[in-house]
Amino acid sequence: MATIFHTMHRYGDTLLKAYAAARSGYGIDFELLHFYVLRRRIEDVWVDIQRLTEESPGETETAKLLECIARGIAEVRAAYCR
């Protein structure tokens, strides 16, 4: 049951198993879940880019934001190019 959700959230697999157990007879649409997780990660990257361009953060905060943006882009690329 490992999915993109599992790779982007360390307890994702456990959460999906618990959800499936609680909702017997209900199937998870993994393609749709994949879409929403990717979209959320892209939105997070966009918010970080906006903060960089609109808030003029200090050097330390800029470095943190750039690191988060690079990690987010790498995660999206890895998940999208599966």
N, C-alpha and C. Protein backbone atom coordinates (compact mmCIF):
# COMPACT_ATOMS: atom_id res chain seq x y z
N MET A 1 0.81 -1.18 0.00
CA MET A 1 0.00 0.00 0.00
C MET A 1 0.87 1.27 0.00
N ALA A 2 2.17 1.12 -0.25
CA ALA A 2 3.04 2.29 -0.28
C ALA A 2 2.68 3.18 -1.47
N THR A 3 2.53 4.43 -1.21
CA THR A 3 2.16 5.39 -2.24
C THR A 3 3.03 6.63 -2.10
N ILE A 4 2.74 7.62 -2.91
CA ILE A 4 3.43 8.90 -2.76
C ILE A 4 3.17 9.46 -1.37
N PHE A 5 2.00 9.21 -0.83
CA PHE A 5 1.66 9.69 0.50
C PHE A 5 2.66 9.15 1.51
N HIS A 6 3.03 7.89 1.33
CA HIS A 6 4.00 7.25 2.22
C HIS A 6 5.37 7.92 2.09
N THR A 7 5.76 8.27 0.89
CA THR A 7 7.08 8.86 0.70
C THR A 7 7.14 10.30 1.20
N MET A 8 6.01 11.00 1.20
CA MET A 8 6.01 12.39 1.62
C MET A 8 5.61 12.57 3.09
N HIS A 9 5.15 11.52 3.71
CA HIS A 9 4.77 11.60 5.12
C HIS A 9 5.21 10.30 5.77
N ARG A 10 6.02 10.40 6.81
CA ARG A 10 6.62 9.18 7.36
C ARG A 10 5.61 8.20 7.95
N TYR A 11 4.43 8.67 8.33
CA TYR A 11 3.39 7.76 8.84
C TYR A 11 2.28 7.54 7.83
N GLY A 12 2.52 7.89 6.58
CA GLY A 12 1.50 7.80 5.55
C GLY A 12 0.95 6.40 5.36
N ASP A 13 1.83 5.42 5.33
CA ASP A 13 1.40 4.03 5.13
C ASP A 13 0.52 3.57 6.29
N THR A 14 0.90 3.92 7.51
CA THR A 14 0.12 3.56 8.69
C THR A 14 -1.25 4.23 8.64
N LEU A 15 -1.28 5.50 8.26
CA LEU A 15 -2.53 6.23 8.17
C LEU A 15 -3.46 5.60 7.13
N LEU A 16 -2.92 5.25 5.98
CA LEU A 16 -3.75 4.64 4.94
C LEU A 16 -4.30 3.28 5.38
N LYS A 17 -3.50 2.50 6.07
CA LYS A 17 -3.97 1.20 6.57
C LYS A 17 -5.07 1.38 7.61
N ALA A 18 -4.90 2.34 8.51
CA ALA A 18 -5.92 2.60 9.54
C ALA A 18 -7.20 3.10 8.90
N TYR A 19 -7.08 3.95 7.91
CA TYR A 19 -8.25 4.48 7.21
C TYR A 19 -9.00 3.36 6.50
N ALA A 20 -8.26 2.49 5.82
CA ALA A 20 -8.87 1.37 5.11
C ALA A 20 -9.57 0.43 6.10
N ALA A 21 -8.99 0.22 7.27
CA ALA A 21 -9.60 -0.65 8.28
C ALA A 21 -10.88 -0.02 8.84
N ALA A 22 -10.87 1.29 9.02
CA ALA A 22 -12.04 1.98 9.58
C ALA A 22 -13.17 2.09 8.56
N ARG A 23 -12.83 2.10 7.29
CA ARG A 23 -13.83 2.27 6.23
C ARG A 23 -13.89 1.01 5.37
N SER A 24 -14.22 -0.11 5.97
CA SER A 24 -14.25 -1.37 5.23
C SER A 24 -15.20 -1.26 4.03
N GLY A 25 -14.76 -1.80 2.93
CA GLY A 25 -15.57 -1.76 1.72
C GLY A 25 -15.38 -0.49 0.92
N TYR A 26 -14.60 0.44 1.43
CA TYR A 26 -14.35 1.69 0.73
C TYR A 26 -12.93 1.67 0.20
N GLY A 27 -12.79 1.87 -1.09
CA GLY A 27 -11.46 1.86 -1.69
C GLY A 27 -10.91 3.27 -1.86
N ILE A 28 -9.64 3.40 -1.61
CA ILE A 28 -8.97 4.69 -1.77
C ILE A 28 -8.58 4.85 -3.23
N ASP A 29 -8.91 5.98 -3.81
CA ASP A 29 -8.51 6.29 -5.18
C ASP A 29 -7.09 6.85 -5.12
N PHE A 30 -6.12 5.99 -5.35
CA PHE A 30 -4.73 6.39 -5.20
C PHE A 30 -4.28 7.41 -6.24
N GLU A 31 -4.87 7.37 -7.41
CA GLU A 31 -4.54 8.36 -8.42
C GLU A 31 -4.99 9.76 -7.97
N LEU A 32 -6.18 9.82 -7.40
CA LEU A 32 -6.70 11.09 -6.89
C LEU A 32 -5.89 11.56 -5.68
N LEU A 33 -5.54 10.64 -4.79
CA LEU A 33 -4.72 10.98 -3.63
C LEU A 33 -3.36 11.51 -4.11
N HIS A 34 -2.79 10.87 -5.10
CA HIS A 34 -1.52 11.30 -5.67
C HIS A 34 -1.64 12.74 -6.18
N PHE A 35 -2.72 13.04 -6.89
CA PHE A 35 -2.95 14.38 -7.40
C PHE A 35 -2.99 15.41 -6.28
N TYR A 36 -3.79 15.13 -5.24
CA TYR A 36 -3.94 16.09 -4.16
C TYR A 36 -2.66 16.30 -3.36
N VAL A 37 -1.90 15.24 -3.14
CA VAL A 37 -0.64 15.38 -2.41
C VAL A 37 0.35 16.20 -3.23
N LEU A 38 0.43 15.92 -4.53
CA LEU A 38 1.31 16.70 -5.39
C LEU A 38 0.88 18.17 -5.44
N ARG A 39 -0.41 18.40 -5.60
CA ARG A 39 -0.90 19.77 -5.65
C ARG A 39 -0.56 20.53 -4.38
N ARG A 40 -0.74 19.88 -3.24
CA ARG A 40 -0.43 20.52 -1.96
C ARG A 40 1.05 20.86 -1.87
N ARG A 41 1.90 19.96 -2.32
CA ARG A 41 3.35 20.21 -2.24
C ARG A 41 3.73 21.36 -3.16
N ILE A 42 3.12 21.42 -4.34
CA ILE A 42 3.37 22.53 -5.28
C ILE A 42 2.91 23.84 -4.66
N GLU A 43 1.76 23.83 -3.99
CA GLU A 43 1.26 25.03 -3.32
C GLU A 43 2.23 25.49 -2.22
N ASP A 44 2.80 24.54 -1.48
CA ASP A 44 3.77 24.88 -0.44
C ASP A 44 4.99 25.56 -1.05
N VAL A 45 5.47 25.04 -2.17
CA VAL A 45 6.61 25.64 -2.86
C VAL A 45 6.25 27.05 -3.31
N TRP A 46 5.06 27.22 -3.86
CA TRP A 46 4.62 28.53 -4.32
C TRP A 46 4.57 29.55 -3.17
N VAL A 47 4.07 29.13 -2.02
CA VAL A 47 4.00 30.03 -0.86
C VAL A 47 5.41 30.45 -0.44
N ASP A 48 6.35 29.52 -0.45
CA ASP A 48 7.72 29.86 -0.10
C ASP A 48 8.33 30.85 -1.10
N ILE A 49 8.03 30.66 -2.38
CA ILE A 49 8.53 31.58 -3.41
C ILE A 49 7.92 32.96 -3.19
N GLN A 50 6.64 33.01 -2.89
CA GLN A 50 5.99 34.30 -2.62
C GLN A 50 6.63 35.00 -1.43
N ARG A 51 6.92 34.24 -0.38
CA ARG A 51 7.56 34.84 0.79
C ARG A 51 8.91 35.44 0.42
N LEU A 52 9.66 34.73 -0.42
CA LEU A 52 10.97 35.24 -0.85
C LEU A 52 10.84 36.56 -1.60
N THR A 53 9.86 36.63 -2.47
CA THR A 53 9.74 37.80 -3.35
C THR A 53 8.98 38.96 -2.72
N GLU A 54 8.10 38.68 -1.78
CA GLU A 54 7.25 39.74 -1.24
C GLU A 54 7.62 40.22 0.15
N GLU A 55 8.32 39.41 0.93
CA GLU A 55 8.58 39.76 2.32
C GLU A 55 10.00 40.23 2.59
N SER A 56 10.91 40.09 1.65
CA SER A 56 12.32 40.46 1.84
C SER A 56 12.88 39.88 3.14
N PRO A 57 12.93 38.55 3.24
CA PRO A 57 13.43 37.93 4.48
C PRO A 57 14.94 38.16 4.64
N GLY A 58 15.41 37.98 5.85
CA GLY A 58 16.84 38.10 6.13
C GLY A 58 17.62 36.95 5.50
N GLU A 59 18.93 37.01 5.68
CA GLU A 59 19.82 36.02 5.07
C GLU A 59 19.52 34.59 5.54
N THR A 60 19.34 34.42 6.83
CA THR A 60 19.07 33.09 7.39
C THR A 60 17.74 32.54 6.89
N GLU A 61 16.72 33.37 6.93
CA GLU A 61 15.39 32.95 6.47
C GLU A 61 15.40 32.67 4.97
N THR A 62 16.13 33.48 4.21
CA THR A 62 16.23 33.25 2.76
C THR A 62 16.87 31.90 2.48
N ALA A 63 17.93 31.58 3.21
CA ALA A 63 18.60 30.29 3.02
C ALA A 63 17.65 29.14 3.35
N LYS A 64 16.88 29.28 4.45
CA LYS A 64 15.91 28.24 4.81
C LYS A 64 14.83 28.08 3.75
N LEU A 65 14.33 29.21 3.25
CA LEU A 65 13.29 29.15 2.21
C LEU A 65 13.81 28.51 0.93
N LEU A 66 15.02 28.87 0.53
CA LEU A 66 15.61 28.29 -0.68
C LEU A 66 15.80 26.79 -0.52
N GLU A 67 16.20 26.36 0.67
CA GLU A 67 16.35 24.93 0.94
C GLU A 67 15.01 24.22 0.86
N CYS A 68 13.97 24.81 1.44
CA CYS A 68 12.62 24.23 1.39
C CYS A 68 12.10 24.16 -0.05
N ILE A 69 12.36 25.21 -0.81
CA ILE A 69 11.91 25.24 -2.20
C ILE A 69 12.62 24.15 -3.00
N ALA A 70 13.92 24.03 -2.83
CA ALA A 70 14.68 23.01 -3.56
C ALA A 70 14.21 21.61 -3.19
N ARG A 71 13.98 21.37 -1.89
CA ARG A 71 13.50 20.06 -1.43
C ARG A 71 12.10 19.78 -1.98
N GLY A 72 11.24 20.79 -1.97
CA GLY A 72 9.88 20.63 -2.48
C GLY A 72 9.87 20.31 -3.97
N ILE A 73 10.69 21.02 -4.73
CA ILE A 73 10.77 20.76 -6.17
C ILE A 73 11.29 19.35 -6.42
N ALA A 74 12.29 18.93 -5.66
CA ALA A 74 12.84 17.58 -5.81
C ALA A 74 11.78 16.52 -5.49
N GLU A 75 10.98 16.76 -4.45
CA GLU A 75 9.92 15.81 -4.09
C GLU A 75 8.85 15.73 -5.17
N VAL A 76 8.47 16.88 -5.69
CA VAL A 76 7.46 16.89 -6.76
C VAL A 76 8.01 16.20 -8.00
N ARG A 77 9.24 16.51 -8.36
CA ARG A 77 9.84 15.89 -9.54
C ARG A 77 9.91 14.36 -9.38
N ALA A 78 10.33 13.91 -8.21
CA ALA A 78 10.43 12.46 -7.96
C ALA A 78 9.05 11.80 -8.02
N ALA A 79 8.06 12.47 -7.46
CA ALA A 79 6.71 11.90 -7.42
C ALA A 79 6.03 11.97 -8.77
N TYR A 80 6.26 13.03 -9.51
CA TYR A 80 5.60 13.22 -10.80
C TYR A 80 6.22 12.32 -11.86
N CYS A 81 7.49 12.10 -11.78
CA CYS A 81 8.20 11.31 -12.78
C CYS A 81 8.32 9.86 -12.36
N ARG A 82 7.30 9.34 -11.74
CA ARG A 82 7.35 7.94 -11.26
C ARG A 82 7.11 6.95 -12.35
